Each structure stands twice: as C-alpha cells, then as structure tokens.
Amino acid sequence: MPRLRSLLAALALTLPGAVVVTAATTAPAHADECYSWTRNLSSGASGADVAELQVRVAGWAGYGVNMGIDGSYGPQTVAAVRNFQSAHGLGPDGVAGPATYAKIYALQDADCTPAHFSYAEVDGGCGAGGYSGGSVPAAQVKENLKRAMWRAEALRQRMGNVPLTVTSGFRSQACDRQVGGSGTGQHTYGNAIDLVGASFCSLAQNARSNGFGGIYGPGYPGHDDHVHVDIRAGRSWSAPTCGI
C-alpha cells in the first residue's frame, strides 16, 4: 500500500492538469502502517517504543531466555537485537536504528503480525472463531497471540525459513475443556500455538532458543503429532522423545 501511494503521487506530477494529493507525501515510507519508530534505541532507553521493539525481537534473546516485554532496553534486549541483526545480515551492534527497523517493517503486515503468521490461523478454535471467552479479555488475547507469532517467526527463520503451520491457537475456556484441556490453559490466554510443518523434534529443540516458556512435543502425552509452544513466564519444557 505505501508503494502504491508513492507511485500514484509520482504519476500525478507527470500528468497535465492532475491534482496532487498532498496526503501521499506523508504516507509511510515502508511497510510500517501498524507502528513506526521515530528514534534510535539502545541500552538504557525506555518507553512504549522499546516495548514495541521487544515484541518483535523477543524470539532472539537466546537459549532459555523468555524475555519480558517491559519497555526497558536492558541486556536481554541488547542481546535480542544483536541476534536479530545477525540473523538478518545486519551489523550486530545491539542498537535499533533505520536498518533494523527496515528489516522489521519488511517482516510485518499492516496489522502488526509477522509476515508468515496471521490472526486468521490463530483465532478461536472449536469452530467458534474470535477471541472471546478466554481467561483474559479479547484485546489481551490478541496481544498475546501477536507476541507468540513473532517468536514463531523467529523460530521459522532459525530453521532456515521452513514453512510452519498453526494447527491450534486461541481457545475459549469452553473450547479448551471440549478438547480435553483444563479450561484455563495457555491457549485460553492466547499465549500458545501448536505447530507442524517440520520435524517435530527439530521444532521442539530449536524453540528452546526462541523465547518460549512452554514447549511440549513428542513423548509428552497427546503431543506426538505437533509441538506446542507458549510464552508463559518461567519454563516448562517436555519432549522426551527429543531429549527435552
């Protein structure tokens, strides 16, 4: 959409009698319709813009690190930005500036979801759709799902951009009970997604380095045909077949 606006503006300048729409000059320059950073960020910075950055790089904080989204640019955020930069061919200085933002813009859609995952594939299960009836309000469910999807995007990149498919995302409490859950599990918060599309053991093993507090895979009851990952605080990993 931003590229289309720019093209139309340029075309208008070349046509006799054309009216130039000045709003086009203020359109986003990149795929940043959902959020634009206006300053460089580095160690010691704080604010809502740091939190937005953390959402997008939390999957790169390191092995076993489930980074909090707290708006404070501390050592974990520095490490996450460095690893993100390295993974995408940028100089790993740990400072978020134009090149880092450009890569983030290229990776995200206008609704702030990452390029290879969408709300459509993680919304309510059991045929219900939507984000209501969970353990937190619908707005928080969607925010949690966005955070989980960005970590899944990092996992996908780590695995060589192998396509991954979500088989289950948010579940209402009623849906969670219907499929045999407790009714209050991580899926009811929007924290969890179930993945297929690659070796399950490879998924589970790599997920340990992409910011997931919960990982359940082959060898854990009911998880031989997918890998469950979630963004809970703390750590609960179990995929015995895979040595986890």
C-alpha atoms as a PDB file:
ATOM      1  CA  MET A   1       0.000   0.000   0.000  1.00  0.00           C
ATOM      2  CA  PRO A   2       2.745   2.597   0.780  1.00  0.00           C
ATOM      3  CA  ARG A   3       4.436   1.816  -2.540  1.00  0.00           C
ATOM      4  CA  LEU A   4       1.121   2.281  -4.353  1.00  0.00           C
ATOM      5  CA  ARG A   5       0.606   5.674  -2.740  1.00  0.00           C
ATOM      6  CA  SER A   6       4.087   6.785  -3.769  1.00  0.00           C
ATOM      7  CA  LEU A   7       3.557   5.589  -7.346  1.00  0.00           C
ATOM      8  CA  LEU A   8       0.260   7.438  -7.635  1.00  0.00           C
ATOM      9  CA  ALA A   9       1.815  10.624  -6.304  1.00  0.00           C
ATOM     10  CA  ALA A  10       4.680  10.407  -8.818  1.00  0.00           C
ATOM     11  CA  LEU A  11       2.250   9.744 -11.659  1.00  0.00           C
ATOM     12  CA  ALA A  12       0.157  12.748 -10.679  1.00  0.00           C
ATOM     13  CA  LEU A  13       3.186  15.003 -11.022  1.00  0.00           C
ATOM     14  CA  THR A  14       3.658  13.916 -14.658  1.00  0.00           C
ATOM     15  CA  LEU A  15       0.074  14.319 -15.863  1.00  0.00           C
ATOM     16  CA  PRO A  16      -1.112  17.724 -17.158  1.00  0.00           C
ATOM     17  CA  GLY A  17      -3.856  19.153 -15.028  1.00  0.00           C
ATOM     18  CA  ALA A  18      -3.513  16.431 -12.425  1.00  0.00           C
ATOM     19  CA  VAL A  19      -4.268  17.274  -8.824  1.00  0.00           C
ATOM     20  CA  VAL A  20      -1.543  16.217  -6.430  1.00  0.00           C
ATOM     21  CA  VAL A  21      -2.903  14.745  -3.208  1.00  0.00           C
ATOM     22  CA  THR A  22      -0.582  16.107  -0.552  1.00  0.00           C
ATOM     23  CA  ALA A  23      -1.524  13.372   1.922  1.00  0.00           C
ATOM     24  CA  ALA A  24       0.512  10.943  -0.157  1.00  0.00           C
ATOM     25  CA  THR A  25       3.688  12.720   0.874  1.00  0.00           C
ATOM     26  CA  THR A  26       3.027  11.781   4.493  1.00  0.00           C
ATOM     27  CA  ALA A  27       2.267   8.120   3.830  1.00  0.00           C
ATOM     28  CA  PRO A  28       4.548   5.538   5.450  1.00  0.00           C
ATOM     29  CA  ALA A  29       7.789   5.046   3.559  1.00  0.00           C
ATOM     30  CA  HIS A  30       7.946   1.341   4.444  1.00  0.00           C
ATOM     31  CA  ALA A  31       5.561  -1.425   5.488  1.00  0.00           C
ATOM     32  CA  ASP A  32       5.093   0.311   8.825  1.00  0.00           C
ATOM     33  CA  GLU A  33       1.374   1.073   8.789  1.00  0.00           C
ATOM     34  CA  CYS A  34       0.927  -0.585  12.172  1.00  0.00           C
ATOM     35  CA  TYR A  35       3.802   1.124  14.006  1.00  0.00           C
ATOM     36  CA  SER A  36       6.709   3.436  13.166  1.00  0.00           C
ATOM     37  CA  TRP A  37       9.780   4.067  15.282  1.00  0.00           C
ATOM     38  CA  THR A  38      10.932   7.684  15.374  1.00  0.00           C
ATOM     39  CA  ARG A  39      14.264   7.374  17.203  1.00  0.00           C
ATOM     40  CA  ASN A  40      17.235   5.086  17.521  1.00  0.00           C
ATOM     41  CA  LEU A  41      17.056   2.841  20.585  1.00  0.00           C
ATOM     42  CA  SER A  42      19.940   1.451  22.597  1.00  0.00           C
ATOM     43  CA  SER A  43      20.904   0.292  26.087  1.00  0.00           C
ATOM     44  CA  GLY A  44      19.259   2.410  28.785  1.00  0.00           C
ATOM     45  CA  ALA A  45      16.327   3.602  26.669  1.00  0.00           C
ATOM     46  CA  SER A  46      12.778   3.140  27.889  1.00  0.00           C
ATOM     47  CA  GLY A  47       9.265   3.717  26.680  1.00  0.00           C
ATOM     48  CA  ALA A  48       6.434   2.311  24.626  1.00  0.00           C
ATOM     49  CA  ASP A  49       8.638   2.231  21.517  1.00  0.00           C
ATOM     50  CA  VAL A  50      11.080  -0.068  23.345  1.00  0.00           C
ATOM     51  CA  ALA A  51       8.196  -2.386  24.239  1.00  0.00           C
ATOM     52  CA  GLU A  52       7.084  -2.493  20.588  1.00  0.00           C
ATOM     53  CA  LEU A  53      10.636  -3.406  19.586  1.00  0.00           C
ATOM     54  CA  GLN A  54      10.801  -6.095  22.271  1.00  0.00           C
ATOM     55  CA  VAL A  55       7.658  -7.767  20.930  1.00  0.00           C
ATOM     56  CA  ARG A  56       9.371  -8.193  17.573  1.00  0.00           C
ATOM     57  CA  VAL A  57      12.815  -9.337  18.746  1.00  0.00           C
ATOM     58  CA  ALA A  58      11.958 -11.363  21.874  1.00  0.00           C
ATOM     59  CA  GLY A  59      12.411 -14.570  19.898  1.00  0.00           C
ATOM     60  CA  TRP A  60      16.118 -13.776  19.544  1.00  0.00           C
ATOM     61  CA  ALA A  61      17.062 -13.224  23.199  1.00  0.00           C
ATOM     62  CA  GLY A  62      18.968 -16.515  23.476  1.00  0.00           C
ATOM     63  CA  TYR A  63      18.736 -20.098  24.672  1.00  0.00           C
ATOM     64  CA  GLY A  64      16.238 -20.463  27.503  1.00  0.00           C
ATOM     65  CA  VAL A  65      15.542 -16.720  27.697  1.00  0.00           C
ATOM     66  CA  ASN A  66      11.858 -15.792  27.869  1.00  0.00           C
ATOM     67  CA  MET A  67      12.288 -12.035  27.640  1.00  0.00           C
ATOM     68  CA  GLY A  68       9.754  -9.813  29.338  1.00  0.00           C
ATOM     69  CA  ILE A  69       8.063  -7.009  27.389  1.00  0.00           C
ATOM     70  CA  ASP A  70       8.717  -4.238  29.899  1.00  0.00           C
ATOM     71  CA  GLY A  71       9.728  -1.214  27.823  1.00  0.00           C
ATOM     72  CA  SER A  72      13.230  -1.160  29.303  1.00  0.00           C
ATOM     73  CA  TYR A  73      16.223  -1.600  26.965  1.00  0.00           C
ATOM     74  CA  GLY A  74      18.392  -3.802  29.170  1.00  0.00           C
ATOM     75  CA  PRO A  75      20.981  -6.525  28.491  1.00  0.00           C
ATOM     76  CA  GLN A  76      18.402  -9.046  27.254  1.00  0.00           C
ATOM     77  CA  THR A  77      17.050  -6.567  24.717  1.00  0.00           C
ATOM     78  CA  VAL A  78      20.571  -5.702  23.562  1.00  0.00           C
ATOM     79  CA  ALA A  79      21.285  -9.419  23.051  1.00  0.00           C
ATOM     80  CA  ALA A  80      17.968  -9.951  21.263  1.00  0.00           C
ATOM     81  CA  VAL A  81      18.594  -7.053  18.881  1.00  0.00           C
ATOM     82  CA  ARG A  82      22.129  -8.280  18.169  1.00  0.00           C
ATOM     83  CA  ASN A  83      20.905 -11.783  17.408  1.00  0.00           C
ATOM     84  CA  PHE A  84      18.079 -10.437  15.252  1.00  0.00           C
ATOM     85  CA  GLN A  85      20.563  -8.310  13.331  1.00  0.00           C
ATOM     86  CA  SER A  86      22.941 -11.236  12.802  1.00  0.00           C
ATOM     87  CA  ALA A  87      20.117 -13.496  11.645  1.00  0.00           C
ATOM     88  CA  HIS A  88      19.108 -10.958   9.008  1.00  0.00           C
ATOM     89  CA  GLY A  89      22.533  -9.977   7.718  1.00  0.00           C
ATOM     90  CA  LEU A  90      22.876  -6.690   9.590  1.00  0.00           C
ATOM     91  CA  GLY A  91      25.808  -5.437  11.637  1.00  0.00           C
ATOM     92  CA  PRO A  92      25.172  -6.792  15.167  1.00  0.00           C
ATOM     93  CA  ASP A  93      25.714  -3.685  17.275  1.00  0.00           C
ATOM     94  CA  GLY A  94      22.656  -4.096  19.523  1.00  0.00           C
ATOM     95  CA  VAL A  95      21.359  -0.645  18.562  1.00  0.00           C
ATOM     96  CA  ALA A  96      17.965  -0.400  16.873  1.00  0.00           C
ATOM     97  CA  GLY A  97      18.189   2.118  14.069  1.00  0.00           C
ATOM     98  CA  PRO A  98      16.973   2.583  10.486  1.00  0.00           C
ATOM     99  CA  ALA A  99      18.427  -0.668   9.109  1.00  0.00           C
ATOM    100  CA  THR A 100      16.926  -2.727  11.936  1.00  0.00           C
ATOM    101  CA  TYR A 101      13.562  -1.017  11.614  1.00  0.00           C
ATOM    102  CA  ALA A 102      13.575  -1.504   7.845  1.00  0.00           C
ATOM    103  CA  LYS A 103      14.033  -5.239   8.351  1.00  0.00           C
ATOM    104  CA  ILE A 104      11.202  -5.331  10.894  1.00  0.00           C
ATOM    105  CA  TYR A 105       8.935  -3.381   8.520  1.00  0.00           C
ATOM    106  CA  ALA A 106       9.746  -5.886   5.777  1.00  0.00           C
ATOM    107  CA  LEU A 107       8.787  -8.755   8.080  1.00  0.00           C
ATOM    108  CA  GLN A 108       5.437  -7.470   9.279  1.00  0.00           C
ATOM    109  CA  ASP A 109       1.965  -6.941   7.928  1.00  0.00           C
ATOM    110  CA  ALA A 110      -0.183  -3.862   8.422  1.00  0.00           C
ATOM    111  CA  ASP A 111      -1.907  -5.368  11.480  1.00  0.00           C
ATOM    112  CA  CYS A 112       1.476  -5.871  13.214  1.00  0.00           C
ATOM    113  CA  THR A 113       1.520  -9.641  12.770  1.00  0.00           C
ATOM    114  CA  PRO A 114       4.665 -11.194  11.277  1.00  0.00           C
ATOM    115  CA  ALA A 115       4.728 -11.971   7.576  1.00  0.00           C
ATOM    116  CA  HIS A 116       4.350 -15.747   7.840  1.00  0.00           C
ATOM    117  CA  PHE A 117       1.633 -15.951  10.503  1.00  0.00           C
ATOM    118  CA  SER A 118      -1.760 -14.302  10.827  1.00  0.00           C
ATOM    119  CA  TYR A 119      -4.654 -13.782  13.200  1.00  0.00           C
ATOM    120  CA  ALA A 120      -6.816 -15.826  10.838  1.00  0.00           C
ATOM    121  CA  GLU A 121      -4.914 -19.008  11.706  1.00  0.00           C
ATOM    122  CA  VAL A 122      -4.771 -18.483  15.483  1.00  0.00           C
ATOM    123  CA  ASP A 123      -8.292 -17.285  16.317  1.00  0.00           C
ATOM    124  CA  GLY A 124     -10.842 -19.230  18.316  1.00  0.00           C
ATOM    125  CA  GLY A 125     -10.986 -22.991  18.000  1.00  0.00           C
ATOM    126  CA  CYS A 126     -13.855 -25.474  18.079  1.00  0.00           C
ATOM    127  CA  GLY A 127     -15.405 -23.656  15.135  1.00  0.00           C
ATOM    128  CA  ALA A 128     -16.241 -20.571  17.182  1.00  0.00           C
ATOM    129  CA  GLY A 129     -13.703 -18.063  15.868  1.00  0.00           C
ATOM    130  CA  GLY A 130     -12.956 -14.789  17.612  1.00  0.00           C
ATOM    131  CA  TYR A 131     -11.110 -14.067  20.851  1.00  0.00           C
ATOM    132  CA  SER A 132     -13.831 -14.024  23.488  1.00  0.00           C
ATOM    133  CA  GLY A 133     -14.471 -16.395  26.368  1.00  0.00           C
ATOM    134  CA  GLY A 134     -10.839 -16.893  27.327  1.00  0.00           C
ATOM    135  CA  SER A 135      -9.023 -16.356  30.598  1.00  0.00           C
ATOM    136  CA  VAL A 136      -8.264 -12.700  29.764  1.00  0.00           C
ATOM    137  CA  PRO A 137     -10.167 -10.060  27.756  1.00  0.00           C
ATOM    138  CA  ALA A 138     -10.184 -10.391  23.972  1.00  0.00           C
ATOM    139  CA  ALA A 139      -7.812  -7.434  23.469  1.00  0.00           C
ATOM    140  CA  GLN A 140      -5.188  -9.086  25.681  1.00  0.00           C
ATOM    141  CA  VAL A 141      -5.700 -12.410  23.903  1.00  0.00           C
ATOM    142  CA  LYS A 142      -4.881 -10.724  20.581  1.00  0.00           C
ATOM    143  CA  GLU A 143      -1.805  -9.010  22.025  1.00  0.00           C
ATOM    144  CA  ASN A 144      -0.566 -12.294  23.470  1.00  0.00           C
ATOM    145  CA  LEU A 145      -1.127 -14.051  20.143  1.00  0.00           C
ATOM    146  CA  LYS A 146       0.856 -11.350  18.355  1.00  0.00           C
ATOM    147  CA  ARG A 147       3.761 -11.888  20.742  1.00  0.00           C
ATOM    148  CA  ALA A 148       3.621 -15.654  20.260  1.00  0.00           C
ATOM    149  CA  MET A 149       3.527 -15.287  16.475  1.00  0.00           C
ATOM    150  CA  TRP A 150       6.609 -13.045  16.427  1.00  0.00           C
ATOM    151  CA  ARG A 151       8.522 -15.692  18.366  1.00  0.00           C
ATOM    152  CA  ALA A 152       7.261 -18.306  15.918  1.00  0.00           C
ATOM    153  CA  GLU A 153       8.557 -16.092  13.107  1.00  0.00           C
ATOM    154  CA  ALA A 154      11.981 -16.146  14.766  1.00  0.00           C
ATOM    155  CA  LEU A 155      11.757 -19.931  15.087  1.00  0.00           C
ATOM    156  CA  ARG A 156      10.903 -20.209  11.397  1.00  0.00           C
ATOM    157  CA  GLN A 157      13.906 -18.065  10.491  1.00  0.00           C
ATOM    158  CA  ARG A 158      16.222 -20.066  12.750  1.00  0.00           C
ATOM    159  CA  MET A 159      15.135 -23.254  10.998  1.00  0.00           C
ATOM    160  CA  GLY A 160      16.012 -21.895   7.572  1.00  0.00           C
ATOM    161  CA  ASN A 161      12.621 -20.337   6.779  1.00  0.00           C
ATOM    162  CA  VAL A 162      10.913 -23.715   6.665  1.00  0.00           C
ATOM    163  CA  PRO A 163       7.121 -23.147   6.347  1.00  0.00           C
ATOM    164  CA  LEU A 164       5.296 -23.770   9.610  1.00  0.00           C
ATOM    165  CA  THR A 165       1.560 -24.214  10.081  1.00  0.00           C
ATOM    166  CA  VAL A 166      -0.503 -23.398  13.171  1.00  0.00           C
ATOM    167  CA  THR A 167      -2.966 -26.170  13.980  1.00  0.00           C
ATOM    168  CA  SER A 168      -4.377 -24.576  17.142  1.00  0.00           C
ATOM    169  CA  GLY A 169      -4.180 -21.107  18.625  1.00  0.00           C
ATOM    170  CA  PHE A 170      -6.611 -19.366  20.949  1.00  0.00           C
ATOM    171  CA  ARG A 171      -9.295 -21.444  22.620  1.00  0.00           C
ATOM    172  CA  SER A 172     -12.131 -20.171  24.763  1.00  0.00           C
ATOM    173  CA  GLN A 173     -12.369 -21.835  28.163  1.00  0.00           C
ATOM    174  CA  ALA A 174     -15.328 -23.869  26.880  1.00  0.00           C
ATOM    175  CA  CYS A 175     -13.387 -24.951  23.799  1.00  0.00           C
ATOM    176  CA  ASP A 176     -10.342 -25.876  25.858  1.00  0.00           C
ATOM    177  CA  ARG A 177     -12.464 -28.156  28.030  1.00  0.00           C
ATOM    178  CA  GLN A 178     -14.156 -29.589  24.933  1.00  0.00           C
ATOM    179  CA  VAL A 179     -10.810 -30.754  23.520  1.00  0.00           C
ATOM    180  CA  GLY A 180      -9.708 -32.247  26.833  1.00  0.00           C
ATOM    181  CA  GLY A 181      -7.890 -29.318  28.402  1.00  0.00           C
ATOM    182  CA  SER A 182      -8.305 -27.795  31.837  1.00  0.00           C
ATOM    183  CA  GLY A 183     -10.304 -24.806  30.613  1.00  0.00           C
ATOM    184  CA  THR A 184      -7.661 -22.420  31.924  1.00  0.00           C
ATOM    185  CA  GLY A 185      -4.546 -23.473  29.991  1.00  0.00           C
ATOM    186  CA  GLN A 186      -2.167 -21.303  27.988  1.00  0.00           C
ATOM    187  CA  HIS A 187      -4.342 -21.488  24.882  1.00  0.00           C
ATOM    188  CA  THR A 188      -7.119 -19.670  26.774  1.00  0.00           C
ATOM    189  CA  TYR A 189      -4.790 -16.687  27.290  1.00  0.00           C
ATOM    190  CA  GLY A 190      -3.710 -16.538  23.668  1.00  0.00           C
ATOM    191  CA  ASN A 191      -0.212 -17.444  24.827  1.00  0.00           C
ATOM    192  CA  ALA A 192       0.043 -20.750  22.953  1.00  0.00           C
ATOM    193  CA  ILE A 193       0.161 -22.058  19.420  1.00  0.00           C
ATOM    194  CA  ASP A 194       0.567 -25.614  18.146  1.00  0.00           C
ATOM    195  CA  LEU A 195       2.908 -26.055  15.186  1.00  0.00           C
ATOM    196  CA  VAL A 196       3.536 -28.578  12.420  1.00  0.00           C
ATOM    197  CA  GLY A 197       5.449 -28.419   9.159  1.00  0.00           C
ATOM    198  CA  ALA A 198       8.914 -29.632  10.120  1.00  0.00           C
ATOM    199  CA  SER A 199      10.496 -32.415  12.124  1.00  0.00           C
ATOM    200  CA  PHE A 200       8.753 -32.239  15.472  1.00  0.00           C
ATOM    201  CA  CYS A 201      11.981 -32.845  17.368  1.00  0.00           C
ATOM    202  CA  SER A 202      13.724 -30.133  15.364  1.00  0.00           C
ATOM    203  CA  LEU A 203      10.869 -27.758  16.174  1.00  0.00           C
ATOM    204  CA  ALA A 204      10.995 -28.539  19.880  1.00  0.00           C
ATOM    205  CA  GLN A 205      14.775 -28.352  20.085  1.00  0.00           C
ATOM    206  CA  ASN A 206      15.059 -25.072  18.205  1.00  0.00           C
ATOM    207  CA  ALA A 207      12.161 -23.491  20.117  1.00  0.00           C
ATOM    208  CA  ARG A 208      14.363 -23.509  23.226  1.00  0.00           C
ATOM    209  CA  SER A 209      16.289 -20.618  21.673  1.00  0.00           C
ATOM    210  CA  ASN A 210      13.295 -18.585  20.541  1.00  0.00           C
ATOM    211  CA  GLY A 211      11.755 -17.261  23.717  1.00  0.00           C
ATOM    212  CA  PHE A 212       9.156 -19.894  24.561  1.00  0.00           C
ATOM    213  CA  GLY A 213       8.481 -20.623  28.220  1.00  0.00           C
ATOM    214  CA  GLY A 214       6.376 -23.663  27.391  1.00  0.00           C
ATOM    215  CA  ILE A 215       7.394 -26.367  24.912  1.00  0.00           C
ATOM    216  CA  TYR A 216       5.645 -29.740  24.628  1.00  0.00           C
ATOM    217  CA  GLY A 217       6.395 -32.237  21.884  1.00  0.00           C
ATOM    218  CA  PRO A 218       6.932 -35.911  21.059  1.00  0.00           C
ATOM    219  CA  GLY A 219       6.892 -38.129  24.108  1.00  0.00           C
ATOM    220  CA  TYR A 220       4.708 -35.756  26.118  1.00  0.00           C
ATOM    221  CA  PRO A 221       1.142 -37.135  26.360  1.00  0.00           C
ATOM    222  CA  GLY A 222      -1.008 -36.020  23.444  1.00  0.00           C
ATOM    223  CA  HIS A 223       1.813 -34.211  21.634  1.00  0.00           C
ATOM    224  CA  ASP A 224       3.270 -36.757  19.229  1.00  0.00           C
ATOM    225  CA  ASP A 225       1.650 -35.099  16.198  1.00  0.00           C
ATOM    226  CA  HIS A 226       2.542 -31.445  16.855  1.00  0.00           C
ATOM    227  CA  VAL A 227       4.688 -29.166  19.000  1.00  0.00           C
ATOM    228  CA  HIS A 228       3.020 -26.846  21.478  1.00  0.00           C
ATOM    229  CA  VAL A 229       4.890 -23.603  22.226  1.00  0.00           C
ATOM    230  CA  ASP A 230       3.772 -20.820  24.532  1.00  0.00           C
ATOM    231  CA  ILE A 231       5.039 -17.563  26.019  1.00  0.00           C
ATOM    232  CA  ARG A 232       4.266 -18.237  29.678  1.00  0.00           C
ATOM    233  CA  ALA A 233       6.606 -16.783  32.297  1.00  0.00           C
ATOM    234  CA  GLY A 234       9.138 -19.303  33.564  1.00  0.00           C
ATOM    235  CA  ARG A 235       9.923 -22.588  31.871  1.00  0.00           C
ATOM    236  CA  SER A 236       8.041 -25.846  31.319  1.00  0.00           C
ATOM    237  CA  TRP A 237       9.629 -27.977  28.593  1.00  0.00           C
ATOM    238  CA  SER A 238       8.882 -31.625  27.865  1.00  0.00           C
ATOM    239  CA  ALA A 239       9.529 -33.579  24.683  1.00  0.00           C
ATOM    240  CA  PRO A 240      11.166 -36.753  25.993  1.00  0.00           C
ATOM    241  CA  THR A 241      11.475 -38.390  22.585  1.00  0.00           C
ATOM    242  CA  CYS A 242      13.593 -35.425  21.532  1.00  0.00           C
ATOM    243  CA  GLY A 243      15.789 -35.377  24.629  1.00  0.00           C
ATOM    244  CA  ILE A 244      13.927 -32.424  26.182  1.00  0.00           C
END
